[in-house]
Amino acid sequence: MAKGYWIARVDIRDPERYKDYVAAAKPAFEKYGASFIARGGAFTQLEGQARARNVIIEFPSHQAAVDCYNSPEYQIAAKIRQEVADAEMVVVEGV
């Protein structure tokens, strides 16, 4: 079974409150077997518009990645993130 990956590009407007999002999201990530591949760090913009923070999270499957996002646990965190950051997020299936 192919793994699933969240790819998120984020501009944080309130760094202090973003910490609340990170803490609130942790239970969902643990429940769905998330493993962080990239979380912030240096990047090189090649094309298009970049965001300040880029995150890649690996899940055991594409479905687990989607289920994590839709879970009640993550939706609590998502509300916080949406108040303090601008983001694009997609789930992609691994090869």
Protein backbone atom coordinates (compact mmCIF):
# COMPACT_ATOMS: atom_id res chain seq x y z
CA MET A 1 0.00 0.00 0.00
CA ALA A 2 1.33 3.41 -0.99
CA LYS A 3 1.98 5.94 1.75
CA GLY A 4 0.17 9.27 1.88
CA TYR A 5 1.77 12.69 2.32
CA TRP A 6 0.46 16.02 3.49
CA ILE A 7 2.21 18.85 1.69
CA ALA A 8 1.55 22.18 3.37
CA ARG A 9 2.82 25.64 2.49
CA VAL A 10 2.24 28.15 5.27
CA ASP A 11 2.69 31.83 6.11
CA ILE A 12 2.30 32.30 9.86
CA ARG A 13 0.71 35.59 10.96
CA ASP A 14 0.85 34.96 14.74
CA PRO A 15 3.84 32.81 15.77
CA GLU A 16 2.80 32.60 19.43
CA ARG A 17 -0.70 31.29 18.65
CA TYR A 18 0.73 28.96 15.98
CA LYS A 19 2.31 27.08 18.88
CA ASP A 20 -1.25 26.38 20.09
CA TYR A 21 -2.00 24.83 16.69
CA VAL A 22 1.08 22.61 16.87
CA ALA A 23 0.09 21.38 20.34
CA ALA A 24 -3.54 20.83 19.34
CA ALA A 25 -2.59 18.88 16.19
CA LYS A 26 -0.27 16.47 17.99
CA PRO A 27 -2.96 13.98 19.14
CA ALA A 28 -4.30 13.60 15.58
CA PHE A 29 -0.82 13.12 14.17
CA GLU A 30 -0.05 10.45 16.77
CA LYS A 31 -3.40 8.68 16.22
CA TYR A 32 -2.90 8.45 12.43
CA GLY A 33 0.79 7.50 12.42
CA ALA A 34 2.20 10.77 11.08
CA SER A 35 5.94 11.17 10.59
CA PHE A 36 7.43 14.57 9.74
CA ILE A 37 9.70 14.53 6.69
CA ALA A 38 10.19 18.31 6.49
CA ARG A 39 9.02 20.98 8.92
CA GLY A 40 10.12 24.49 8.06
CA GLY A 41 13.80 24.94 7.42
CA ALA A 42 15.71 26.40 4.53
CA PHE A 43 14.25 26.18 1.05
CA THR A 44 15.04 27.43 -2.44
CA GLN A 45 12.23 29.00 -4.44
CA LEU A 46 12.35 27.74 -8.01
CA GLU A 47 9.00 28.74 -9.54
CA GLY A 48 5.75 30.34 -8.49
CA GLN A 49 4.96 32.06 -5.21
CA ALA A 50 6.68 30.66 -2.13
CA ARG A 51 5.46 30.61 1.46
CA ALA A 52 7.71 30.97 4.49
CA ARG A 53 7.09 27.48 5.94
CA ASN A 54 6.92 24.19 4.04
CA VAL A 55 5.87 20.95 5.70
CA ILE A 56 5.76 17.35 4.46
CA ILE A 57 4.14 14.75 6.70
CA GLU A 58 4.16 11.04 5.86
CA PHE A 59 1.26 8.73 6.78
CA PRO A 60 0.94 4.95 6.45
CA SER A 61 -1.54 5.41 3.56
CA HIS A 62 -3.29 8.05 1.50
CA GLN A 63 -6.51 7.26 3.36
CA ALA A 64 -4.84 7.70 6.75
CA ALA A 65 -3.63 11.14 5.64
CA VAL A 66 -7.14 12.17 4.56
CA ASP A 67 -8.70 10.66 7.68
CA CYS A 68 -6.28 12.57 9.89
CA TYR A 69 -7.23 15.87 8.28
CA ASN A 70 -10.95 15.13 8.61
CA SER A 71 -10.71 13.81 12.18
CA PRO A 72 -12.38 15.69 15.04
CA GLU A 73 -8.96 15.89 16.71
CA TYR A 74 -7.34 17.67 13.77
CA GLN A 75 -10.31 19.89 13.02
CA ILE A 76 -9.87 21.50 16.45
CA ALA A 77 -6.29 22.32 15.48
CA ALA A 78 -7.27 23.41 11.96
CA LYS A 79 -9.54 26.12 13.36
CA ILE A 80 -6.61 27.56 15.30
CA ARG A 81 -4.31 27.37 12.26
CA GLN A 82 -6.85 29.08 10.03
CA GLU A 83 -7.05 31.99 12.49
CA VAL A 84 -3.28 32.53 12.69
CA ALA A 85 -1.85 31.44 9.32
CA ASP A 86 -2.50 31.31 5.58
CA ALA A 87 -1.89 27.93 3.99
CA GLU A 88 -2.36 25.58 1.07
CA MET A 89 -2.52 21.88 1.88
CA VAL A 90 -2.82 18.81 -0.30
CA VAL A 91 -2.61 15.07 0.27
CA VAL A 92 -0.67 13.08 -2.32
CA GLU A 93 -0.19 9.35 -2.71
CA GLY A 94 3.37 8.07 -2.60
CA VAL A 95 4.93 5.88 -5.27
